[in-house]
Amino acid sequence: MTPEQIEAMWREHGEPAAKVAFTAGYAHGYGDGESSGYLKGLAVGNLIGYSNGHRDGVDSCKAAISDGLKNGSSACGDMMQSFRSDRAGADDFVTDAEYELELLASFDQ
């Protein structure tokens, strides 16, 4: 077989098959990446919303807790102490790999 014949066979059979395989692989990879990004964004958005809601809830009742504390309520004192302990925790940042493992483990439950 001459190099020209090999080239002709490649153009007739190999090149179209390679293009179809590439297109299918690209579409599959793009879809997987899009799904993964969507799930990660959904989970992160949920966590941020929960955190913001918790913060807003705490902020909205601090004035009432403070008034109760001024009037000698021990329950309000305990609540104010719990607000301080909420602030004491440092933010926990995880890598993408750690997050992926946590997210996948949550699906198994």
PDB file of N, CA and C in Angstrom:
ATOM      1  N   MET A   1       0.848  -1.174   0.000  1.00  0.00           N
ATOM      2  CA  MET A   1       0.000   0.000   0.000  1.00  0.00           C
ATOM      3  C   MET A   1       0.897   1.242   0.000  1.00  0.00           C
ATOM      4  N   THR A   2       0.568   2.161  -0.828  1.00  0.00           N
ATOM      5  CA  THR A   2       1.368   3.380  -0.935  1.00  0.00           C
ATOM      6  C   THR A   2       0.872   4.403   0.093  1.00  0.00           C
ATOM      7  N   PRO A   3       1.699   5.353   0.406  1.00  0.00           N
ATOM      8  CA  PRO A   3       1.254   6.393   1.331  1.00  0.00           C
ATOM      9  C   PRO A   3       0.020   7.145   0.838  1.00  0.00           C
ATOM     10  N   GLU A   4      -0.107   7.295  -0.459  1.00  0.00           N
ATOM     11  CA  GLU A   4      -1.286   7.977  -1.006  1.00  0.00           C
ATOM     12  C   GLU A   4      -2.553   7.163  -0.759  1.00  0.00           C
ATOM     13  N   GLN A   5      -2.447   5.824  -0.890  1.00  0.00           N
ATOM     14  CA  GLN A   5      -3.596   4.957  -0.634  1.00  0.00           C
ATOM     15  C   GLN A   5      -3.977   4.988   0.852  1.00  0.00           C
ATOM     16  N   ILE A   6      -2.964   4.982   1.702  1.00  0.00           N
ATOM     17  CA  ILE A   6      -3.234   5.052   3.150  1.00  0.00           C
ATOM     18  C   ILE A   6      -3.927   6.371   3.482  1.00  0.00           C
ATOM     19  N   GLU A   7      -3.438   7.447   2.888  1.00  0.00           N
ATOM     20  CA  GLU A   7      -4.045   8.766   3.111  1.00  0.00           C
ATOM     21  C   GLU A   7      -5.491   8.789   2.619  1.00  0.00           C
ATOM     22  N   ALA A   8      -5.739   8.178   1.466  1.00  0.00           N
ATOM     23  CA  ALA A   8      -7.097   8.135   0.914  1.00  0.00           C
ATOM     24  C   ALA A   8      -8.026   7.329   1.824  1.00  0.00           C
ATOM     25  N   MET A   9      -7.524   6.199   2.356  1.00  0.00           N
ATOM     26  CA  MET A   9      -8.335   5.389   3.285  1.00  0.00           C
ATOM     27  C   MET A   9      -8.641   6.171   4.574  1.00  0.00           C
ATOM     28  N   TRP A  10      -7.634   6.899   5.055  1.00  0.00           N
ATOM     29  CA  TRP A  10      -7.848   7.711   6.261  1.00  0.00           C
ATOM     30  C   TRP A  10      -8.931   8.759   6.014  1.00  0.00           C
ATOM     31  N   ARG A  11      -8.850   9.442   4.894  1.00  0.00           N
ATOM     32  CA  ARG A  11      -9.831  10.483   4.593  1.00  0.00           C
ATOM     33  C   ARG A  11     -11.234   9.896   4.399  1.00  0.00           C
ATOM     34  N   GLU A  12     -11.302   8.695   3.848  1.00  0.00           N
ATOM     35  CA  GLU A  12     -12.606   8.087   3.581  1.00  0.00           C
ATOM     36  C   GLU A  12     -13.227   7.475   4.836  1.00  0.00           C
ATOM     37  N   HIS A  13     -12.418   6.801   5.650  1.00  0.00           N
ATOM     38  CA  HIS A  13     -12.975   6.055   6.791  1.00  0.00           C
ATOM     39  C   HIS A  13     -12.563   6.615   8.149  1.00  0.00           C
ATOM     40  N   GLY A  14     -11.302   6.908   8.300  1.00  0.00           N
ATOM     41  CA  GLY A  14     -10.790   7.291   9.615  1.00  0.00           C
ATOM     42  C   GLY A  14     -11.195   8.679  10.059  1.00  0.00           C
ATOM     43  N   GLU A  15     -11.063   9.647   9.175  1.00  0.00           N
ATOM     44  CA  GLU A  15     -11.338  11.037   9.548  1.00  0.00           C
ATOM     45  C   GLU A  15     -12.804  11.263   9.943  1.00  0.00           C
ATOM     46  N   PRO A  16     -13.783  10.758   9.176  1.00  0.00           N
ATOM     47  CA  PRO A  16     -15.180  10.955   9.610  1.00  0.00           C
ATOM     48  C   PRO A  16     -15.475  10.276  10.953  1.00  0.00           C
ATOM     49  N   ALA A  17     -14.912   9.074  11.152  1.00  0.00           N
ATOM     50  CA  ALA A  17     -15.141   8.378  12.426  1.00  0.00           C
ATOM     51  C   ALA A  17     -14.504   9.145  13.585  1.00  0.00           C
ATOM     52  N   ALA A  18     -13.302   9.679  13.354  1.00  0.00           N
ATOM     53  CA  ALA A  18     -12.634  10.451  14.401  1.00  0.00           C
ATOM     54  C   ALA A  18     -13.418  11.710  14.746  1.00  0.00           C
ATOM     55  N   LYS A  19     -13.980  12.370  13.739  1.00  0.00           N
ATOM     56  CA  LYS A  19     -14.773  13.574  13.987  1.00  0.00           C
ATOM     57  C   LYS A  19     -16.035  13.254  14.780  1.00  0.00           C
ATOM     58  N   VAL A  20     -16.692  12.150  14.430  1.00  0.00           N
ATOM     59  CA  VAL A  20     -17.899  11.742  15.161  1.00  0.00           C
ATOM     60  C   VAL A  20     -17.548  11.399  16.609  1.00  0.00           C
ATOM     61  N   ALA A  21     -16.447  10.662  16.801  1.00  0.00           N
ATOM     62  CA  ALA A  21     -16.020  10.295  18.156  1.00  0.00           C
ATOM     63  C   ALA A  21     -15.662  11.534  18.970  1.00  0.00           C
ATOM     64  N   PHE A  22     -14.946  12.465  18.344  1.00  0.00           N
ATOM     65  CA  PHE A  22     -14.576  13.696  19.047  1.00  0.00           C
ATOM     66  C   PHE A  22     -15.816  14.485  19.449  1.00  0.00           C
ATOM     67  N   THR A  23     -16.761  14.639  18.524  1.00  0.00           N
ATOM     68  CA  THR A  23     -17.974  15.400  18.801  1.00  0.00           C
ATOM     69  C   THR A  23     -18.780  14.752  19.929  1.00  0.00           C
ATOM     70  N   ALA A  24     -18.895  13.426  19.885  1.00  0.00           N
ATOM     71  CA  ALA A  24     -19.641  12.723  20.936  1.00  0.00           C
ATOM     72  C   ALA A  24     -18.933  12.866  22.279  1.00  0.00           C
ATOM     73  N   GLY A  25     -17.615  12.705  22.283  1.00  0.00           N
ATOM     74  CA  GLY A  25     -16.854  12.845  23.529  1.00  0.00           C
ATOM     75  C   GLY A  25     -16.940  14.249  24.094  1.00  0.00           C
ATOM     76  N   TYR A  26     -16.853  15.234  23.212  1.00  0.00           N
ATOM     77  CA  TYR A  26     -16.939  16.625  23.648  1.00  0.00           C
ATOM     78  C   TYR A  26     -18.311  16.906  24.258  1.00  0.00           C
ATOM     79  N   ALA A  27     -19.365  16.464  23.580  1.00  0.00           N
ATOM     80  CA  ALA A  27     -20.724  16.699  24.083  1.00  0.00           C
ATOM     81  C   ALA A  27     -20.933  16.001  25.422  1.00  0.00           C
ATOM     82  N   HIS A  28     -20.427  14.784  25.546  1.00  0.00           N
ATOM     83  CA  HIS A  28     -20.567  14.031  26.792  1.00  0.00           C
ATOM     84  C   HIS A  28     -19.813  14.735  27.923  1.00  0.00           C
ATOM     85  N   GLY A  29     -18.579  15.122  27.657  1.00  0.00           N
ATOM     86  CA  GLY A  29     -17.775  15.821  28.667  1.00  0.00           C
ATOM     87  C   GLY A  29     -18.382  17.154  29.063  1.00  0.00           C
ATOM     88  N   TYR A  30     -18.893  17.890  28.082  1.00  0.00           N
ATOM     89  CA  TYR A  30     -19.534  19.176  28.361  1.00  0.00           C
ATOM     90  C   TYR A  30     -20.765  18.972  29.240  1.00  0.00           C
ATOM     91  N   GLY A  31     -21.574  17.970  28.905  1.00  0.00           N
ATOM     92  CA  GLY A  31     -22.772  17.689  29.701  1.00  0.00           C
ATOM     93  C   GLY A  31     -22.436  17.294  31.123  1.00  0.00           C
ATOM     94  N   ASP A  32     -21.406  16.446  31.287  1.00  0.00           N
ATOM     95  CA  ASP A  32     -20.988  16.045  32.635  1.00  0.00           C
ATOM     96  C   ASP A  32     -20.482  17.245  33.426  1.00  0.00           C
ATOM     97  N   GLY A  33     -19.694  18.080  32.783  1.00  0.00           N
ATOM     98  CA  GLY A  33     -19.176  19.267  33.464  1.00  0.00           C
ATOM     99  C   GLY A  33     -20.281  20.233  33.847  1.00  0.00           C
ATOM    100  N   GLU A  34     -21.239  20.402  32.959  1.00  0.00           N
ATOM    101  CA  GLU A  34     -22.359  21.296  33.240  1.00  0.00           C
ATOM    102  C   GLU A  34     -23.195  20.765  34.411  1.00  0.00           C
ATOM    103  N   SER A  35     -23.446  19.457  34.423  1.00  0.00           N
ATOM    104  CA  SER A  35     -24.214  18.856  35.516  1.00  0.00           C
ATOM    105  C   SER A  35     -23.475  18.992  36.838  1.00  0.00           C
ATOM    106  N   SER A  36     -22.180  18.724  36.810  1.00  0.00           N
ATOM    107  CA  SER A  36     -21.378  18.825  38.026  1.00  0.00           C
ATOM    108  C   SER A  36     -21.370  20.252  38.539  1.00  0.00           C
ATOM    109  N   GLY A  37     -21.185  21.212  37.642  1.00  0.00           N
ATOM    110  CA  GLY A  37     -21.183  22.616  38.047  1.00  0.00           C
ATOM    111  C   GLY A  37     -22.531  23.055  38.592  1.00  0.00           C
ATOM    112  N   TYR A  38     -23.605  22.565  37.981  1.00  0.00           N
ATOM    113  CA  TYR A  38     -24.947  22.915  38.453  1.00  0.00           C
ATOM    114  C   TYR A  38     -25.159  22.398  39.872  1.00  0.00           C
ATOM    115  N   LEU A  39     -24.807  21.135  40.109  1.00  0.00           N
ATOM    116  CA  LEU A  39     -25.001  20.557  41.447  1.00  0.00           C
ATOM    117  C   LEU A  39     -24.148  21.264  42.487  1.00  0.00           C
ATOM    118  N   LYS A  40     -22.916  21.563  42.116  1.00  0.00           N
ATOM    119  CA  LYS A  40     -22.030  22.252  43.056  1.00  0.00           C
ATOM    120  C   LYS A  40     -22.572  23.644  43.348  1.00  0.00           C
ATOM    121  N   GLY A  41     -23.014  24.358  42.310  1.00  0.00           N
ATOM    122  CA  GLY A  41     -23.582  25.686  42.510  1.00  0.00           C
ATOM    123  C   GLY A  41     -24.853  25.650  43.345  1.00  0.00           C
ATOM    124  N   LEU A  42     -25.665  24.640  43.128  1.00  0.00           N
ATOM    125  CA  LEU A  42     -26.898  24.495  43.897  1.00  0.00           C
ATOM    126  C   LEU A  42     -26.585  24.260  45.376  1.00  0.00           C
ATOM    127  N   ALA A  43     -25.643  23.373  45.641  1.00  0.00           N
ATOM    128  CA  ALA A  43     -25.278  23.073  47.026  1.00  0.00           C
ATOM    129  C   ALA A  43     -24.654  24.287  47.709  1.00  0.00           C
ATOM    130  N   VAL A  44     -23.753  24.964  47.020  1.00  0.00           N
ATOM    131  CA  VAL A  44     -23.113  26.145  47.601  1.00  0.00           C
ATOM    132  C   VAL A  44     -24.144  27.249  47.828  1.00  0.00           C
ATOM    133  N   GLY A  45     -25.039  27.451  46.862  1.00  0.00           N
ATOM    134  CA  GLY A  45     -26.092  28.455  47.021  1.00  0.00           C
ATOM    135  C   GLY A  45     -26.994  28.149  48.203  1.00  0.00           C
ATOM    136  N   ASN A  46     -27.302  26.875  48.400  1.00  0.00           N
ATOM    137  CA  ASN A  46     -28.117  26.469  49.531  1.00  0.00           C
ATOM    138  C   ASN A  46     -27.407  26.786  50.847  1.00  0.00           C
ATOM    139  N   LEU A  47     -26.119  26.463  50.911  1.00  0.00           N
ATOM    140  CA  LEU A  47     -25.353  26.738  52.134  1.00  0.00           C
ATOM    141  C   LEU A  47     -25.266  28.243  52.406  1.00  0.00           C
ATOM    142  N   ILE A  48     -25.031  29.021  51.365  1.00  0.00           N
ATOM    143  CA  ILE A  48     -24.944  30.474  51.544  1.00  0.00           C
ATOM    144  C   ILE A  48     -26.290  31.030  52.000  1.00  0.00           C
ATOM    145  N   GLY A  49     -27.370  30.556  51.376  1.00  0.00           N
ATOM    146  CA  GLY A  49     -28.705  31.011  51.775  1.00  0.00           C
ATOM    147  C   GLY A  49     -29.020  30.647  53.214  1.00  0.00           C
ATOM    148  N   TYR A  50     -28.654  29.447  53.619  1.00  0.00           N
ATOM    149  CA  TYR A  50     -28.888  29.022  55.007  1.00  0.00           C
ATOM    150  C   TYR A  50     -28.083  29.893  55.962  1.00  0.00           C
ATOM    151  N   SER A  51     -26.825  30.133  55.613  1.00  0.00           N
ATOM    152  CA  SER A  51     -25.963  30.949  56.463  1.00  0.00           C
ATOM    153  C   SER A  51     -26.486  32.378  56.575  1.00  0.00           C
ATOM    154  N   ASN A  52     -26.876  32.960  55.437  1.00  0.00           N
ATOM    155  CA  ASN A  52     -27.415  34.325  55.458  1.00  0.00           C
ATOM    156  C   ASN A  52     -28.723  34.385  56.233  1.00  0.00           C
ATOM    157  N   GLY A  53     -29.568  33.380  56.068  1.00  0.00           N
ATOM    158  CA  GLY A  53     -30.828  33.341  56.808  1.00  0.00           C
ATOM    159  C   GLY A  53     -30.600  33.237  58.306  1.00  0.00           C
ATOM    160  N   HIS A  54     -29.615  32.424  58.694  1.00  0.00           N
ATOM    161  CA  HIS A  54     -29.285  32.284  60.117  1.00  0.00           C
ATOM    162  C   HIS A  54     -28.792  33.625  60.666  1.00  0.00           C
ATOM    163  N   ARG A  55     -27.895  34.268  59.916  1.00  0.00           N
ATOM    164  CA  ARG A  55     -27.350  35.557  60.356  1.00  0.00           C
ATOM    165  C   ARG A  55     -28.449  36.599  60.470  1.00  0.00           C
ATOM    166  N   ASP A  56     -29.332  36.649  59.461  1.00  0.00           N
ATOM    167  CA  ASP A  56     -30.429  37.618  59.496  1.00  0.00           C
ATOM    168  C   ASP A  56     -31.378  37.334  60.653  1.00  0.00           C
ATOM    169  N   GLY A  57     -31.622  36.064  60.912  1.00  0.00           N
ATOM    170  CA  GLY A  57     -32.487  35.702  62.033  1.00  0.00           C
ATOM    171  C   GLY A  57     -31.897  36.108  63.366  1.00  0.00           C
ATOM    172  N   VAL A  58     -30.606  35.889  63.517  1.00  0.00           N
ATOM    173  CA  VAL A  58     -29.925  36.281  64.756  1.00  0.00           C
ATOM    174  C   VAL A  58     -29.963  37.799  64.904  1.00  0.00           C
ATOM    175  N   ASP A  59     -29.664  38.511  63.811  1.00  0.00           N
ATOM    176  CA  ASP A  59     -29.653  39.973  63.867  1.00  0.00           C
ATOM    177  C   ASP A  59     -31.034  40.538  64.210  1.00  0.00           C
ATOM    178  N   SER A  60     -32.089  39.895  63.695  1.00  0.00           N
ATOM    179  CA  SER A  60     -33.435  40.428  63.915  1.00  0.00           C
ATOM    180  C   SER A  60     -33.905  40.261  65.357  1.00  0.00           C
ATOM    181  N   CYS A  61     -33.338  39.309  66.086  1.00  0.00           N
ATOM    182  CA  CYS A  61     -33.821  39.121  67.457  1.00  0.00           C
ATOM    183  C   CYS A  61     -32.830  39.630  68.508  1.00  0.00           C
ATOM    184  N   LYS A  62     -31.695  40.196  68.106  1.00  0.00           N
ATOM    185  CA  LYS A  62     -30.716  40.679  69.088  1.00  0.00           C
ATOM    186  C   LYS A  62     -31.280  41.798  69.962  1.00  0.00           C
ATOM    187  N   ALA A  63     -32.064  42.681  69.365  1.00  0.00           N
ATOM    188  CA  ALA A  63     -32.625  43.786  70.158  1.00  0.00           C
ATOM    189  C   ALA A  63     -33.551  43.252  71.249  1.00  0.00           C
ATOM    190  N   ALA A  64     -34.384  42.271  70.905  1.00  0.00           N
ATOM    191  CA  ALA A  64     -35.293  41.696  71.897  1.00  0.00           C
ATOM    192  C   ALA A  64     -34.508  40.950  72.980  1.00  0.00           C
ATOM    193  N   ILE A  65     -33.476  40.238  72.585  1.00  0.00           N
ATOM    194  CA  ILE A  65     -32.647  39.522  73.555  1.00  0.00           C
ATOM    195  C   ILE A  65     -31.959  40.528  74.483  1.00  0.00           C
ATOM    196  N   SER A  66     -31.475  41.615  73.904  1.00  0.00           N
ATOM    197  CA  SER A  66     -30.811  42.650  74.701  1.00  0.00           C
ATOM    198  C   SER A  66     -31.772  43.264  75.720  1.00  0.00           C
ATOM    199  N   ASP A  67     -32.999  43.562  75.290  1.00  0.00           N
ATOM    200  CA  ASP A  67     -33.992  44.116  76.222  1.00  0.00           C
ATOM    201  C   ASP A  67     -34.300  43.127  77.334  1.00  0.00           C
ATOM    202  N   GLY A  68     -34.448  41.865  76.979  1.00  0.00           N
ATOM    203  CA  GLY A  68     -34.711  40.849  78.002  1.00  0.00           C
ATOM    204  C   GLY A  68     -33.548  40.727  78.963  1.00  0.00           C
ATOM    205  N   LEU A  69     -32.346  40.856  78.464  1.00  0.00           N
ATOM    206  CA  LEU A  69     -31.156  40.774  79.305  1.00  0.00           C
ATOM    207  C   LEU A  69     -31.107  41.960  80.278  1.00  0.00           C
ATOM    208  N   LYS A  70     -31.483  43.140  79.804  1.00  0.00           N
ATOM    209  CA  LYS A  70     -31.521  44.330  80.671  1.00  0.00           C
ATOM    210  C   LYS A  70     -32.533  44.164  81.792  1.00  0.00           C
ATOM    211  N   ASN A  71     -33.599  43.378  81.523  1.00  0.00           N
ATOM    212  CA  ASN A  71     -34.635  43.147  82.538  1.00  0.00           C
ATOM    213  C   ASN A  71     -34.339  41.926  83.404  1.00  0.00           C
ATOM    214  N   GLY A  72     -33.146  41.347  83.276  1.00  0.00           N
ATOM    215  CA  GLY A  72     -32.722  40.275  84.168  1.00  0.00           C
ATOM    216  C   GLY A  72     -33.103  38.874  83.727  1.00  0.00           C
ATOM    217  N   SER A  73     -33.413  38.647  82.491  1.00  0.00           N
ATOM    218  CA  SER A  73     -33.795  37.312  82.028  1.00  0.00           C
ATOM    219  C   SER A  73     -32.547  36.453  81.828  1.00  0.00           C
ATOM    220  N   SER A  74     -32.460  35.357  82.573  1.00  0.00           N
ATOM    221  CA  SER A  74     -31.296  34.467  82.430  1.00  0.00           C
ATOM    222  C   SER A  74     -31.344  33.721  81.095  1.00  0.00           C
ATOM    223  N   ALA A  75     -32.546  33.443  80.586  1.00  0.00           N
ATOM    224  CA  ALA A  75     -32.653  32.778  79.282  1.00  0.00           C
ATOM    225  C   ALA A  75     -32.082  33.667  78.184  1.00  0.00           C
ATOM    226  N   CYS A  76     -32.311  34.981  78.303  1.00  0.00           N
ATOM    227  CA  CYS A  76     -31.755  35.908  77.309  1.00  0.00           C
ATOM    228  C   CYS A  76     -30.228  35.957  77.427  1.00  0.00           C
ATOM    229  N   GLY A  77     -29.728  35.834  78.630  1.00  0.00           N
ATOM    230  CA  GLY A  77     -28.276  35.788  78.823  1.00  0.00           C
ATOM    231  C   GLY A  77     -27.673  34.565  78.169  1.00  0.00           C
ATOM    232  N   ASP A  78     -28.339  33.428  78.336  1.00  0.00           N
ATOM    233  CA  ASP A  78     -27.861  32.197  77.693  1.00  0.00           C
ATOM    234  C   ASP A  78     -27.883  32.341  76.176  1.00  0.00           C
ATOM    235  N   MET A  79     -28.930  32.955  75.656  1.00  0.00           N
ATOM    236  CA  MET A  79     -29.048  33.138  74.216  1.00  0.00           C
ATOM    237  C   MET A  79     -27.948  34.064  73.697  1.00  0.00           C
ATOM    238  N   MET A  80     -27.668  35.137  74.439  1.00  0.00           N
ATOM    239  CA  MET A  80     -26.620  36.062  74.025  1.00  0.00           C
ATOM    240  C   MET A  80     -25.259  35.352  74.018  1.00  0.00           C
ATOM    241  N   GLN A  81     -25.026  34.476  74.970  1.00  0.00           N
ATOM    242  CA  GLN A  81     -23.784  33.702  74.996  1.00  0.00           C
ATOM    243  C   GLN A  81     -23.687  32.786  73.778  1.00  0.00           C
ATOM    244  N   SER A  82     -24.815  32.209  73.376  1.00  0.00           N
ATOM    245  CA  SER A  82     -24.782  31.327  72.203  1.00  0.00           C
ATOM    246  C   SER A  82     -24.477  32.126  70.937  1.00  0.00           C
ATOM    247  N   PHE A  83     -24.901  33.397  70.883  1.00  0.00           N
ATOM    248  CA  PHE A  83     -24.552  34.241  69.737  1.00  0.00           C
ATOM    249  C   PHE A  83     -23.043  34.439  69.668  1.00  0.00           C
ATOM    250  N   ARG A  84     -22.422  34.612  70.817  1.00  0.00           N
ATOM    251  CA  ARG A  84     -20.963  34.778  70.839  1.00  0.00           C
ATOM    252  C   ARG A  84     -20.270  33.513  70.359  1.00  0.00           C
ATOM    253  N   SER A  85     -20.773  32.355  70.771  1.00  0.00           N
ATOM    254  CA  SER A  85     -20.123  31.105  70.352  1.00  0.00           C
ATOM    255  C   SER A  85     -20.297  30.865  68.857  1.00  0.00           C
ATOM    256  N   ASP A  86     -21.398  31.382  68.262  1.00  0.00           N
ATOM    257  CA  ASP A  86     -21.572  31.280  66.809  1.00  0.00           C
ATOM    258  C   ASP A  86     -20.487  32.039  66.072  1.00  0.00           C
ATOM    259  N   ARG A  87     -20.096  33.189  66.608  1.00  0.00           N
ATOM    260  CA  ARG A  87     -19.066  34.009  65.973  1.00  0.00           C
ATOM    261  C   ARG A  87     -17.680  33.435  66.163  1.00  0.00           C
ATOM    262  N   ALA A  88     -17.487  32.606  67.196  1.00  0.00           N
ATOM    263  CA  ALA A  88     -16.144  32.129  67.533  1.00  0.00           C
ATOM    264  C   ALA A  88     -15.575  31.186  66.474  1.00  0.00           C
ATOM    265  N   GLY A  89     -16.434  30.472  65.755  1.00  0.00           N
ATOM    266  CA  GLY A  89     -15.945  29.499  64.773  1.00  0.00           C
ATOM    267  C   GLY A  89     -15.325  30.170  63.568  1.00  0.00           C
ATOM    268  N   ALA A  90     -14.186  29.673  63.168  1.00  0.00           N
ATOM    269  CA  ALA A  90     -13.533  30.216  61.975  1.00  0.00           C
ATOM    270  C   ALA A  90     -14.175  29.621  60.733  1.00  0.00           C
ATOM    271  N   ASP A  91     -14.132  30.361  59.637  1.00  0.00           N
ATOM    272  CA  ASP A  91     -14.651  29.841  58.378  1.00  0.00           C
ATOM    273  C   ASP A  91     -13.825  28.639  57.952  1.00  0.00           C
ATOM    274  N   ASP A  92     -14.499  27.627  57.457  1.00  0.00           N
ATOM    275  CA  ASP A  92     -13.825  26.410  57.017  1.00  0.00           C
ATOM    276  C   ASP A  92     -13.873  26.361  55.501  1.00  0.00           C
ATOM    277  N   PHE A  93     -12.728  26.585  54.867  1.00  0.00           N
ATOM    278  CA  PHE A  93     -12.662  26.544  53.419  1.00  0.00           C
ATOM    279  C   PHE A  93     -12.121  25.191  52.986  1.00  0.00           C
ATOM    280  N   VAL A  94     -12.761  24.590  51.995  1.00  0.00           N
ATOM    281  CA  VAL A  94     -12.339  23.288  51.503  1.00  0.00           C
ATOM    282  C   VAL A  94     -11.931  23.402  50.044  1.00  0.00           C
ATOM    283  N   THR A  95     -11.109  22.474  49.636  1.00  0.00           N
ATOM    284  CA  THR A  95     -10.703  22.442  48.235  1.00  0.00           C
ATOM    285  C   THR A  95     -11.819  21.818  47.405  1.00  0.00           C
ATOM    286  N   ASP A  96     -11.725  21.955  46.086  1.00  0.00           N
ATOM    287  CA  ASP A  96     -12.719  21.342  45.210  1.00  0.00           C
ATOM    288  C   ASP A  96     -12.754  19.830  45.383  1.00  0.00           C
ATOM    289  N   ALA A  97     -11.588  19.221  45.554  1.00  0.00           N
ATOM    290  CA  ALA A  97     -11.531  17.762  45.715  1.00  0.00           C
ATOM    291  C   ALA A  97     -12.217  17.335  47.011  1.00  0.00           C
ATOM    292  N   GLU A  98     -11.978  18.068  48.107  1.00  0.00           N
ATOM    293  CA  GLU A  98     -12.631  17.746  49.377  1.00  0.00           C
ATOM    294  C   GLU A  98     -14.145  17.935  49.269  1.00  0.00           C
ATOM    295  N   TYR A  99     -14.545  19.014  48.594  1.00  0.00           N
ATOM    296  CA  TYR A  99     -15.972  19.276  48.431  1.00  0.00           C
ATOM    297  C   TYR A  99     -16.637  18.172  47.614  1.00  0.00           C
ATOM    298  N   GLU A 100     -15.953  17.736  46.567  1.00  0.00           N
ATOM    299  CA  GLU A 100     -16.507  16.681  45.725  1.00  0.00           C
ATOM    300  C   GLU A 100     -16.731  15.407  46.538  1.00  0.00           C
ATOM    301  N   LEU A 101     -15.768  15.046  47.388  1.00  0.00           N
ATOM    302  CA  LEU A 101     -15.909  13.847  48.209  1.00  0.00           C
ATOM    303  C   LEU A 101     -17.073  13.998  49.191  1.00  0.00           C
ATOM    304  N   GLU A 102     -17.202  15.170  49.808  1.00  0.00           N
ATOM    305  CA  GLU A 102     -18.312  15.403  50.746  1.00  0.00           C
ATOM    306  C   GLU A 102     -19.658  15.339  50.029  1.00  0.00           C
ATOM    307  N   LEU A 103     -19.718  15.952  48.845  1.00  0.00           N
ATOM    308  CA  LEU A 103     -20.970  15.972  48.093  1.00  0.00           C
ATOM    309  C   LEU A 103     -21.364  14.566  47.652  1.00  0.00           C
ATOM    310  N   LEU A 104     -20.413  13.799  47.159  1.00  0.00           N
ATOM    311  CA  LEU A 104     -20.706  12.432  46.726  1.00  0.00           C
ATOM    312  C   LEU A 104     -21.123  11.570  47.912  1.00  0.00           C
ATOM    313  N   ALA A 105     -20.497  11.773  49.051  1.00  0.00           N
ATOM    314  CA  ALA A 105     -20.867  11.001  50.248  1.00  0.00           C
ATOM    315  C   ALA A 105     -22.282  11.337  50.695  1.00  0.00           C
ATOM    316  N   SER A 106     -22.709  12.590  50.502  1.00  0.00           N
ATOM    317  CA  SER A 106     -24.059  12.977  50.923  1.00  0.00           C
ATOM    318  C   SER A 106     -25.123  12.298  50.062  1.00  0.00           C
ATOM    319  N   PHE A 107     -24.791  11.947  48.792  1.00  0.00           N
ATOM    320  CA  PHE A 107     -25.748  11.266  47.923  1.00  0.00           C
ATOM    321  C   PHE A 107     -25.951   9.810  48.336  1.00  0.00           C
ATOM    322  N   ASP A 108     -24.956   9.224  48.985  1.00  0.00           N
ATOM    323  CA  ASP A 108     -25.047   7.819  49.387  1.00  0.00           C
ATOM    324  C   ASP A 108     -26.006   7.625  50.566  1.00  0.00           C
ATOM    325  N   GLN A 109     -26.287   8.676  51.298  1.00  0.00           N
ATOM    326  CA  GLN A 109     -27.107   8.554  52.503  1.00  0.00           C
ATOM    327  C   GLN A 109     -28.576   8.539  52.177  1.00  0.00           C
TER     328      GLN A 109
END
